[in-house]
Amino acid sequence: MSTGRIAIAAGLGLVGPWVCACGLDSSGVGHASGTLGTATAPAASTGEDSTGDAEASTTAEPITTTTATSATTATSATGEDTSSTGDVTDTADLTTGPPPDPCLDNPPITLMLDAAAATLVPPMTFDTLLDGTGYFYSETANEGAASFEIDLPCGGEFMIWADVYDGEPGPVDIEIIDGDPADAIRIEIGGIATDWLYGCQTPGIDLWSRQALSVNANACITNDRVVLPLVKGAHTLTVTALEAGAHSDGLTPGDVAAVARVFITNVQDVMP
């Protein structure tokens, strides 16, 4: 801020200091703030000798000033340098390069896709059990689909898990046949489609279980988990029923291959 003082003789007295507060905006051009007030101009001298005695008129015409409306006028009046923005720290010298890649250390990623969020193509249908479990299913083999739009924050090797229903847990059948096949669905993502006989992986008494997408050699003789190389960004994950079945409302979905949730994760060999 620059301060100028103008002492104006009026009789034998002095009119107080005149202060202009000027600042600089981010472009280096100054700006004025506040009202500059009213100053009194000195009267014309009628004569003064060497001893300092003077006769002065006590009348003066007032000079009215107003708030500056021109930044250029304000800075030139105070002597400010409009080409300078003052002391500025050059942050460019502090830059050490681009930010580190957040995917460099392969951070753990797990996405849960609920059946209620799927986009369905009939005859794929959504329903809810009495206990509140939501799921999708199709009573017609190879018809209908459920799809999810996902966005992977990093690329890498991913596995698919799903909460699936099997009315007869355990590998009752050793292959997909008409009548009573092992429960099966197809999962496709990133241009890779896998026919999955998840009924080959559901021994025990639990009708619902969480299983990993696997290749079963079209028969329940292998259980090789599928690892999918996926790039960062948008993908569509699609589920299709490979078998027919009869749906039943209530406590269970019936004989259909039902799916409640799908998981996609880059955490290997750990159930999400």
C-alpha atoms as a PDB file:
ATOM      1  CA  MET A   1       0.000   0.000   0.000  1.00  0.00           C
ATOM      2  CA  SER A   2       1.261   3.505  -0.832  1.00  0.00           C
ATOM      3  CA  THR A   3       0.505   6.472   1.386  1.00  0.00           C
ATOM      4  CA  GLY A   4       0.749  10.019   0.177  1.00  0.00           C
ATOM      5  CA  ARG A   5       0.423  13.019   2.401  1.00  0.00           C
ATOM      6  CA  ILE A   6      -0.643  16.385   1.107  1.00  0.00           C
ATOM      7  CA  ALA A   7      -0.383  19.284   3.470  1.00  0.00           C
ATOM      8  CA  ILE A   8      -2.494  22.163   2.275  1.00  0.00           C
ATOM      9  CA  ALA A   9      -1.975  25.573   3.762  1.00  0.00           C
ATOM     10  CA  ALA A  10      -5.177  27.180   4.880  1.00  0.00           C
ATOM     11  CA  GLY A  11      -4.518  30.208   6.888  1.00  0.00           C
ATOM     12  CA  LEU A  12      -1.920  29.088   9.425  1.00  0.00           C
ATOM     13  CA  GLY A  13      -3.342  25.550   9.790  1.00  0.00           C
ATOM     14  CA  LEU A  14      -2.820  22.221   7.981  1.00  0.00           C
ATOM     15  CA  VAL A  15      -5.386  19.897   6.517  1.00  0.00           C
ATOM     16  CA  GLY A  16      -4.799  16.308   7.698  1.00  0.00           C
ATOM     17  CA  PRO A  17      -3.178  13.478   5.658  1.00  0.00           C
ATOM     18  CA  TRP A  18      -4.799  12.086   2.550  1.00  0.00           C
ATOM     19  CA  VAL A  19      -4.465   8.312   2.310  1.00  0.00           C
ATOM     20  CA  CYS A  20      -5.093   6.161  -0.761  1.00  0.00           C
ATOM     21  CA  ALA A  21      -5.265   2.425  -0.220  1.00  0.00           C
ATOM     22  CA  CYS A  22      -4.300   0.672  -3.434  1.00  0.00           C
ATOM     23  CA  GLY A  23      -3.933  -3.000  -4.084  1.00  0.00           C
ATOM     24  CA  LEU A  24      -2.991  -5.266  -6.911  1.00  0.00           C
ATOM     25  CA  ASP A  25      -5.247  -7.904  -8.384  1.00  0.00           C
ATOM     26  CA  SER A  26      -3.990 -11.251  -9.647  1.00  0.00           C
ATOM     27  CA  SER A  27      -3.217  -9.842 -13.086  1.00  0.00           C
ATOM     28  CA  GLY A  28      -0.808  -7.287 -11.675  1.00  0.00           C
ATOM     29  CA  VAL A  29      -3.150  -4.374 -12.307  1.00  0.00           C
ATOM     30  CA  GLY A  30      -3.819  -2.258  -9.251  1.00  0.00           C
ATOM     31  CA  HIS A  31      -7.186  -1.357  -7.854  1.00  0.00           C
ATOM     32  CA  ALA A  32      -8.294   1.325  -5.452  1.00  0.00           C
ATOM     33  CA  SER A  33     -10.591   0.861  -2.500  1.00  0.00           C
ATOM     34  CA  GLY A  34     -12.464   3.261  -0.255  1.00  0.00           C
ATOM     35  CA  THR A  35     -13.650   6.852  -0.693  1.00  0.00           C
ATOM     36  CA  LEU A  36     -10.858   9.367  -1.021  1.00  0.00           C
ATOM     37  CA  GLY A  37     -12.799  12.147   0.696  1.00  0.00           C
ATOM     38  CA  THR A  38     -12.687  15.942   0.174  1.00  0.00           C
ATOM     39  CA  ALA A  39      -9.522  18.051   0.282  1.00  0.00           C
ATOM     40  CA  THR A  40      -9.269  21.862   0.401  1.00  0.00           C
ATOM     41  CA  ALA A  41      -7.105  23.618  -2.170  1.00  0.00           C
ATOM     42  CA  PRO A  42      -4.731  26.380  -0.985  1.00  0.00           C
ATOM     43  CA  ALA A  43      -5.574  30.004  -1.731  1.00  0.00           C
ATOM     44  CA  ALA A  44      -3.465  32.027  -4.109  1.00  0.00           C
ATOM     45  CA  SER A  45      -0.621  33.730  -2.295  1.00  0.00           C
ATOM     46  CA  THR A  46      -0.820  37.527  -1.985  1.00  0.00           C
ATOM     47  CA  GLY A  47       2.827  37.900  -1.116  1.00  0.00           C
ATOM     48  CA  GLU A  48       5.403  36.551   1.237  1.00  0.00           C
ATOM     49  CA  ASP A  49       8.654  38.112   2.489  1.00  0.00           C
ATOM     50  CA  SER A  50      11.908  36.398   3.426  1.00  0.00           C
ATOM     51  CA  THR A  51      11.045  36.328   7.102  1.00  0.00           C
ATOM     52  CA  GLY A  52       8.242  33.832   6.482  1.00  0.00           C
ATOM     53  CA  ASP A  53       5.449  36.322   7.268  1.00  0.00           C
ATOM     54  CA  ALA A  54       2.720  35.802   4.776  1.00  0.00           C
ATOM     55  CA  GLU A  55      -0.624  37.161   3.924  1.00  0.00           C
ATOM     56  CA  ALA A  56      -2.911  34.437   2.558  1.00  0.00           C
ATOM     57  CA  SER A  57      -6.493  34.407   1.571  1.00  0.00           C
ATOM     58  CA  THR A  58      -8.672  32.421   3.945  1.00  0.00           C
ATOM     59  CA  THR A  59     -11.040  31.447   1.183  1.00  0.00           C
ATOM     60  CA  ALA A  60     -10.549  28.397  -0.980  1.00  0.00           C
ATOM     61  CA  GLU A  61     -12.562  26.485  -3.531  1.00  0.00           C
ATOM     62  CA  PRO A  62     -13.179  22.869  -2.391  1.00  0.00           C
ATOM     63  CA  ILE A  63     -11.868  20.089  -4.636  1.00  0.00           C
ATOM     64  CA  THR A  64     -14.078  17.065  -4.519  1.00  0.00           C
ATOM     65  CA  THR A  65     -12.546  13.638  -5.216  1.00  0.00           C
ATOM     66  CA  THR A  66     -14.429  10.360  -5.615  1.00  0.00           C
ATOM     67  CA  THR A  67     -13.648   6.677  -5.440  1.00  0.00           C
ATOM     68  CA  ALA A  68     -11.299   5.737  -8.255  1.00  0.00           C
ATOM     69  CA  THR A  69     -12.998   3.902 -11.090  1.00  0.00           C
ATOM     70  CA  SER A  70      -9.924   3.308 -13.167  1.00  0.00           C
ATOM     71  CA  ALA A  71      -7.269   0.930 -11.948  1.00  0.00           C
ATOM     72  CA  THR A  72      -4.744   2.589 -14.254  1.00  0.00           C
ATOM     73  CA  THR A  73      -5.443   6.041 -12.790  1.00  0.00           C
ATOM     74  CA  ALA A  74      -5.183   4.765  -9.255  1.00  0.00           C
ATOM     75  CA  THR A  75      -1.823   3.094  -9.734  1.00  0.00           C
ATOM     76  CA  SER A  76      -0.268   5.962 -11.644  1.00  0.00           C
ATOM     77  CA  ALA A  77      -1.342   8.379  -8.939  1.00  0.00           C
ATOM     78  CA  THR A  78       0.355   6.390  -6.214  1.00  0.00           C
ATOM     79  CA  GLY A  79       3.445   5.398  -8.136  1.00  0.00           C
ATOM     80  CA  GLU A  80       2.641   1.681  -8.049  1.00  0.00           C
ATOM     81  CA  ASP A  81       4.204  -0.513 -10.721  1.00  0.00           C
ATOM     82  CA  THR A  82       1.256  -2.094 -12.534  1.00  0.00           C
ATOM     83  CA  SER A  83       3.484  -4.595 -14.285  1.00  0.00           C
ATOM     84  CA  SER A  84       4.443  -6.341 -11.061  1.00  0.00           C
ATOM     85  CA  THR A  85       2.381  -8.587  -8.828  1.00  0.00           C
ATOM     86  CA  GLY A  86       4.797  -8.312  -5.915  1.00  0.00           C
ATOM     87  CA  ASP A  87       6.676 -11.182  -4.374  1.00  0.00           C
ATOM     88  CA  VAL A  88       5.372 -14.424  -5.895  1.00  0.00           C
ATOM     89  CA  THR A  89       6.689 -17.870  -5.063  1.00  0.00           C
ATOM     90  CA  ASP A  90       7.450 -19.848  -8.184  1.00  0.00           C
ATOM     91  CA  THR A  91       5.762 -23.175  -7.454  1.00  0.00           C
ATOM     92  CA  ALA A  92       6.873 -24.641 -10.775  1.00  0.00           C
ATOM     93  CA  ASP A  93      10.323 -25.205  -9.299  1.00  0.00           C
ATOM     94  CA  LEU A  94       8.756 -27.325  -6.541  1.00  0.00           C
ATOM     95  CA  THR A  95       7.216 -29.798  -8.992  1.00  0.00           C
ATOM     96  CA  THR A  96       8.998 -33.140  -9.078  1.00  0.00           C
ATOM     97  CA  GLY A  97       7.071 -34.646 -11.983  1.00  0.00           C
ATOM     98  CA  PRO A  98       3.702 -36.328 -12.593  1.00  0.00           C
ATOM     99  CA  PRO A  99       1.860 -37.839  -9.611  1.00  0.00           C
ATOM    100  CA  PRO A 100       2.558 -41.521  -8.897  1.00  0.00           C
ATOM    101  CA  ASP A 101       0.398 -44.133 -10.616  1.00  0.00           C
ATOM    102  CA  PRO A 102      -2.223 -45.293  -8.057  1.00  0.00           C
ATOM    103  CA  CYS A 103      -2.327 -48.693  -9.782  1.00  0.00           C
ATOM    104  CA  LEU A 104       1.430 -49.240  -9.585  1.00  0.00           C
ATOM    105  CA  ASP A 105       1.312 -51.437  -6.475  1.00  0.00           C
ATOM    106  CA  ASN A 106      -1.772 -53.398  -7.580  1.00  0.00           C
ATOM    107  CA  PRO A 107      -4.117 -52.179  -4.839  1.00  0.00           C
ATOM    108  CA  PRO A 108      -6.858 -54.635  -3.782  1.00  0.00           C
ATOM    109  CA  ILE A 109     -10.126 -54.135  -5.679  1.00  0.00           C
ATOM    110  CA  THR A 110     -13.425 -55.906  -4.979  1.00  0.00           C
ATOM    111  CA  LEU A 111     -16.759 -54.908  -6.509  1.00  0.00           C
ATOM    112  CA  MET A 112     -20.057 -56.402  -5.305  1.00  0.00           C
ATOM    113  CA  LEU A 113     -22.881 -56.460  -7.866  1.00  0.00           C
ATOM    114  CA  ASP A 114     -26.312 -57.031  -6.334  1.00  0.00           C
ATOM    115  CA  ALA A 115     -28.963 -58.816  -8.374  1.00  0.00           C
ATOM    116  CA  ALA A 116     -31.377 -55.923  -7.877  1.00  0.00           C
ATOM    117  CA  ALA A 117     -28.981 -53.621  -9.786  1.00  0.00           C
ATOM    118  CA  ALA A 118     -28.791 -55.821 -12.896  1.00  0.00           C
ATOM    119  CA  THR A 119     -30.282 -54.841 -16.241  1.00  0.00           C
ATOM    120  CA  LEU A 120     -32.481 -57.766 -17.296  1.00  0.00           C
ATOM    121  CA  VAL A 121     -33.402 -59.074 -20.725  1.00  0.00           C
ATOM    122  CA  PRO A 122     -36.483 -61.379 -20.553  1.00  0.00           C
ATOM    123  CA  PRO A 123     -37.068 -64.150 -19.800  1.00  0.00           C
ATOM    124  CA  MET A 124     -34.447 -63.352 -17.139  1.00  0.00           C
ATOM    125  CA  THR A 125     -36.518 -62.212 -14.145  1.00  0.00           C
ATOM    126  CA  PHE A 126     -35.918 -60.718 -10.694  1.00  0.00           C
ATOM    127  CA  ASP A 127     -37.648 -62.037  -7.589  1.00  0.00           C
ATOM    128  CA  THR A 128     -37.309 -61.905  -3.794  1.00  0.00           C
ATOM    129  CA  LEU A 129     -37.545 -64.718  -1.241  1.00  0.00           C
ATOM    130  CA  LEU A 130     -39.557 -64.414   1.941  1.00  0.00           C
ATOM    131  CA  ASP A 131     -36.325 -63.749   3.856  1.00  0.00           C
ATOM    132  CA  GLY A 132     -35.576 -60.720   1.635  1.00  0.00           C
ATOM    133  CA  THR A 133     -32.954 -62.320  -0.600  1.00  0.00           C
ATOM    134  CA  GLY A 134     -33.177 -60.881  -4.117  1.00  0.00           C
ATOM    135  CA  TYR A 135     -32.068 -62.902  -7.133  1.00  0.00           C
ATOM    136  CA  PHE A 136     -32.470 -63.236 -10.887  1.00  0.00           C
ATOM    137  CA  TYR A 137     -33.225 -66.387 -12.848  1.00  0.00           C
ATOM    138  CA  SER A 138     -34.502 -67.715 -16.180  1.00  0.00           C
ATOM    139  CA  GLU A 139     -36.777 -70.719 -16.661  1.00  0.00           C
ATOM    140  CA  THR A 140     -35.597 -71.077 -20.264  1.00  0.00           C
ATOM    141  CA  ALA A 141     -32.152 -72.402 -21.118  1.00  0.00           C
ATOM    142  CA  ASN A 142     -29.850 -70.047 -23.018  1.00  0.00           C
ATOM    143  CA  GLU A 143     -32.406 -67.259 -23.068  1.00  0.00           C
ATOM    144  CA  GLY A 144     -32.503 -64.022 -21.176  1.00  0.00           C
ATOM    145  CA  ALA A 145     -29.582 -62.194 -19.601  1.00  0.00           C
ATOM    146  CA  ALA A 146     -28.611 -60.070 -16.594  1.00  0.00           C
ATOM    147  CA  SER A 147     -25.919 -57.463 -17.130  1.00  0.00           C
ATOM    148  CA  PHE A 148     -23.929 -55.032 -14.992  1.00  0.00           C
ATOM    149  CA  GLU A 149     -21.996 -51.964 -16.106  1.00  0.00           C
ATOM    150  CA  ILE A 150     -18.790 -51.625 -14.086  1.00  0.00           C
ATOM    151  CA  ASP A 151     -15.736 -49.376 -14.087  1.00  0.00           C
ATOM    152  CA  LEU A 152     -12.452 -50.893 -12.944  1.00  0.00           C
ATOM    153  CA  PRO A 153     -10.121 -48.283 -11.379  1.00  0.00           C
ATOM    154  CA  CYS A 154      -7.099 -50.413 -12.308  1.00  0.00           C
ATOM    155  CA  GLY A 155      -6.360 -53.209 -14.718  1.00  0.00           C
ATOM    156  CA  GLY A 156      -4.957 -56.590 -13.762  1.00  0.00           C
ATOM    157  CA  GLU A 157      -5.941 -60.202 -13.187  1.00  0.00           C
ATOM    158  CA  PHE A 158      -9.428 -60.652 -11.759  1.00  0.00           C
ATOM    159  CA  MET A 159     -11.587 -63.506 -10.497  1.00  0.00           C
ATOM    160  CA  ILE A 160     -15.371 -63.773 -10.459  1.00  0.00           C
ATOM    161  CA  TRP A 161     -17.367 -65.114  -7.514  1.00  0.00           C
ATOM    162  CA  ALA A 162     -21.129 -65.460  -7.213  1.00  0.00           C
ATOM    163  CA  ASP A 163     -23.781 -66.259  -4.611  1.00  0.00           C
ATOM    164  CA  VAL A 164     -25.605 -69.062  -6.400  1.00  0.00           C
ATOM    165  CA  TYR A 165     -28.533 -71.350  -5.629  1.00  0.00           C
ATOM    166  CA  ASP A 166     -28.459 -75.134  -6.047  1.00  0.00           C
ATOM    167  CA  GLY A 167     -31.615 -77.043  -5.101  1.00  0.00           C
ATOM    168  CA  GLU A 168     -29.591 -80.280  -4.904  1.00  0.00           C
ATOM    169  CA  PRO A 169     -26.123 -79.379  -3.649  1.00  0.00           C
ATOM    170  CA  GLY A 170     -23.320 -81.585  -4.830  1.00  0.00           C
ATOM    171  CA  PRO A 171     -22.399 -83.018  -8.244  1.00  0.00           C
ATOM    172  CA  VAL A 172     -25.532 -85.112  -8.680  1.00  0.00           C
ATOM    173  CA  ASP A 173     -24.954 -85.181 -12.445  1.00  0.00           C
ATOM    174  CA  ILE A 174     -21.593 -85.383 -14.147  1.00  0.00           C
ATOM    175  CA  GLU A 175     -22.640 -83.436 -17.226  1.00  0.00           C
ATOM    176  CA  ILE A 176     -25.241 -81.045 -18.560  1.00  0.00           C
ATOM    177  CA  ILE A 177     -28.152 -83.199 -19.755  1.00  0.00           C
ATOM    178  CA  ASP A 178     -31.839 -82.586 -20.277  1.00  0.00           C
ATOM    179  CA  GLY A 179     -33.984 -83.272 -17.263  1.00  0.00           C
ATOM    180  CA  ASP A 180     -31.793 -82.788 -14.202  1.00  0.00           C
ATOM    181  CA  PRO A 181     -28.488 -81.125 -15.075  1.00  0.00           C
ATOM    182  CA  ALA A 182     -25.902 -79.676 -12.739  1.00  0.00           C
ATOM    183  CA  ASP A 183     -26.806 -76.026 -12.204  1.00  0.00           C
ATOM    184  CA  ALA A 184     -24.998 -73.919 -14.777  1.00  0.00           C
ATOM    185  CA  ILE A 185     -24.697 -70.345 -15.978  1.00  0.00           C
ATOM    186  CA  ARG A 186     -22.506 -68.467 -18.438  1.00  0.00           C
ATOM    187  CA  ILE A 187     -20.513 -65.402 -17.375  1.00  0.00           C
ATOM    188  CA  GLU A 188     -19.011 -63.066 -19.950  1.00  0.00           C
ATOM    189  CA  ILE A 189     -16.765 -60.041 -19.399  1.00  0.00           C
ATOM    190  CA  GLY A 190     -13.943 -58.444 -21.352  1.00  0.00           C
ATOM    191  CA  GLY A 191     -14.777 -60.524 -24.429  1.00  0.00           C
ATOM    192  CA  ILE A 192     -14.244 -63.790 -22.511  1.00  0.00           C
ATOM    193  CA  ALA A 193     -17.231 -66.120 -21.995  1.00  0.00           C
ATOM    194  CA  THR A 194     -17.070 -69.008 -19.506  1.00  0.00           C
ATOM    195  CA  ASP A 195     -19.653 -71.800 -19.264  1.00  0.00           C
ATOM    196  CA  TRP A 196     -19.756 -72.551 -15.562  1.00  0.00           C
ATOM    197  CA  LEU A 197     -21.223 -75.690 -13.986  1.00  0.00           C
ATOM    198  CA  TYR A 198     -21.352 -74.237 -10.513  1.00  0.00           C
ATOM    199  CA  GLY A 199     -23.424 -77.240  -9.401  1.00  0.00           C
ATOM    200  CA  CYS A 200     -20.173 -79.215  -9.531  1.00  0.00           C
ATOM    201  CA  GLN A 201     -18.843 -77.065  -6.690  1.00  0.00           C
ATOM    202  CA  THR A 202     -21.725 -77.091  -4.211  1.00  0.00           C
ATOM    203  CA  PRO A 203     -21.384 -80.124  -1.931  1.00  0.00           C
ATOM    204  CA  GLY A 204     -23.051 -79.889   1.457  1.00  0.00           C
ATOM    205  CA  ILE A 205     -26.483 -78.935   2.675  1.00  0.00           C
ATOM    206  CA  ASP A 206     -26.531 -75.189   2.006  1.00  0.00           C
ATOM    207  CA  LEU A 207     -28.758 -74.340  -0.938  1.00  0.00           C
ATOM    208  CA  TRP A 208     -27.085 -70.925  -1.302  1.00  0.00           C
ATOM    209  CA  SER A 209     -23.293 -70.734  -1.446  1.00  0.00           C
ATOM    210  CA  ARG A 210     -20.552 -68.455  -2.747  1.00  0.00           C
ATOM    211  CA  GLN A 211     -18.496 -70.077  -5.474  1.00  0.00           C
ATOM    212  CA  ALA A 212     -15.607 -69.029  -7.733  1.00  0.00           C
ATOM    213  CA  LEU A 213     -16.019 -68.980 -11.506  1.00  0.00           C
ATOM    214  CA  SER A 214     -14.368 -72.156 -12.739  1.00  0.00           C
ATOM    215  CA  VAL A 215     -13.952 -74.371 -15.772  1.00  0.00           C
ATOM    216  CA  ASN A 216     -15.425 -77.826 -15.182  1.00  0.00           C
ATOM    217  CA  ALA A 217     -14.546 -79.382 -18.570  1.00  0.00           C
ATOM    218  CA  ASN A 218     -18.289 -79.663 -19.314  1.00  0.00           C
ATOM    219  CA  ALA A 219     -18.425 -82.299 -16.609  1.00  0.00           C
ATOM    220  CA  CYS A 220     -17.780 -82.374 -12.889  1.00  0.00           C
ATOM    221  CA  ILE A 221     -14.242 -83.665 -13.227  1.00  0.00           C
ATOM    222  CA  THR A 222     -12.261 -80.438 -12.845  1.00  0.00           C
ATOM    223  CA  ASN A 223     -12.565 -77.237 -10.880  1.00  0.00           C
ATOM    224  CA  ASP A 224     -10.074 -74.859 -12.427  1.00  0.00           C
ATOM    225  CA  ARG A 225     -10.687 -71.283 -11.313  1.00  0.00           C
ATOM    226  CA  VAL A 226     -10.744 -68.737 -14.085  1.00  0.00           C
ATOM    227  CA  VAL A 227      -8.428 -65.716 -13.954  1.00  0.00           C
ATOM    228  CA  LEU A 228      -9.430 -62.906 -16.277  1.00  0.00           C
ATOM    229  CA  PRO A 229      -6.954 -60.299 -17.615  1.00  0.00           C
ATOM    230  CA  LEU A 230      -8.982 -57.087 -17.626  1.00  0.00           C
ATOM    231  CA  VAL A 231      -7.925 -53.565 -18.500  1.00  0.00           C
ATOM    232  CA  LYS A 232      -8.753 -50.448 -16.540  1.00  0.00           C
ATOM    233  CA  GLY A 233     -12.037 -48.767 -17.388  1.00  0.00           C
ATOM    234  CA  ALA A 234     -15.599 -49.651 -18.353  1.00  0.00           C
ATOM    235  CA  HIS A 235     -16.801 -53.240 -18.775  1.00  0.00           C
ATOM    236  CA  THR A 236     -20.103 -55.079 -19.110  1.00  0.00           C
ATOM    237  CA  LEU A 237     -20.498 -58.285 -17.096  1.00  0.00           C
ATOM    238  CA  THR A 238     -23.279 -60.538 -18.413  1.00  0.00           C
ATOM    239  CA  VAL A 239     -24.882 -63.616 -16.835  1.00  0.00           C
ATOM    240  CA  THR A 240     -26.922 -66.109 -18.892  1.00  0.00           C
ATOM    241  CA  ALA A 241     -28.760 -69.204 -17.640  1.00  0.00           C
ATOM    242  CA  LEU A 242     -27.598 -72.398 -19.394  1.00  0.00           C
ATOM    243  CA  GLU A 243     -30.341 -74.652 -18.071  1.00  0.00           C
ATOM    244  CA  ALA A 244     -34.114 -74.674 -17.850  1.00  0.00           C
ATOM    245  CA  GLY A 245     -35.983 -74.956 -14.587  1.00  0.00           C
ATOM    246  CA  ALA A 246     -39.243 -74.415 -12.754  1.00  0.00           C
ATOM    247  CA  HIS A 247     -39.410 -71.323 -10.583  1.00  0.00           C
ATOM    248  CA  SER A 248     -41.097 -71.325  -7.189  1.00  0.00           C
ATOM    249  CA  ASP A 249     -42.012 -68.306  -5.078  1.00  0.00           C
ATOM    250  CA  GLY A 250     -41.481 -68.475  -1.360  1.00  0.00           C
ATOM    251  CA  LEU A 251     -38.650 -70.056   0.598  1.00  0.00           C
ATOM    252  CA  THR A 252     -36.572 -71.167  -2.418  1.00  0.00           C
ATOM    253  CA  PRO A 253     -36.319 -70.229  -6.110  1.00  0.00           C
ATOM    254  CA  GLY A 254     -37.318 -73.768  -7.127  1.00  0.00           C
ATOM    255  CA  ASP A 255     -35.238 -75.652  -9.708  1.00  0.00           C
ATOM    256  CA  VAL A 256     -33.828 -72.665 -11.549  1.00  0.00           C
ATOM    257  CA  ALA A 257     -30.183 -71.520 -11.560  1.00  0.00           C
ATOM    258  CA  ALA A 258     -30.575 -68.404  -9.431  1.00  0.00           C
ATOM    259  CA  VAL A 259     -27.922 -65.748  -8.732  1.00  0.00           C
ATOM    260  CA  ALA A 260     -28.145 -63.275  -5.837  1.00  0.00           C
ATOM    261  CA  ARG A 261     -24.803 -61.432  -6.146  1.00  0.00           C
ATOM    262  CA  VAL A 262     -21.725 -61.335  -8.336  1.00  0.00           C
ATOM    263  CA  PHE A 263     -18.279 -60.274  -7.137  1.00  0.00           C
ATOM    264  CA  ILE A 264     -15.263 -59.213  -9.172  1.00  0.00           C
ATOM    265  CA  THR A 265     -11.936 -59.039  -7.367  1.00  0.00           C
ATOM    266  CA  ASN A 266      -8.202 -58.949  -7.995  1.00  0.00           C
ATOM    267  CA  VAL A 267      -7.519 -60.529  -4.590  1.00  0.00           C
ATOM    268  CA  GLN A 268      -6.528 -64.059  -5.512  1.00  0.00           C
ATOM    269  CA  ASP A 269      -7.707 -67.186  -3.673  1.00  0.00           C
ATOM    270  CA  VAL A 270      -9.579 -65.247  -0.983  1.00  0.00           C
ATOM    271  CA  MET A 271     -13.360 -65.434  -0.953  1.00  0.00           C
ATOM    272  CA  PRO A 272     -14.783 -61.912  -0.938  1.00  0.00           C
END
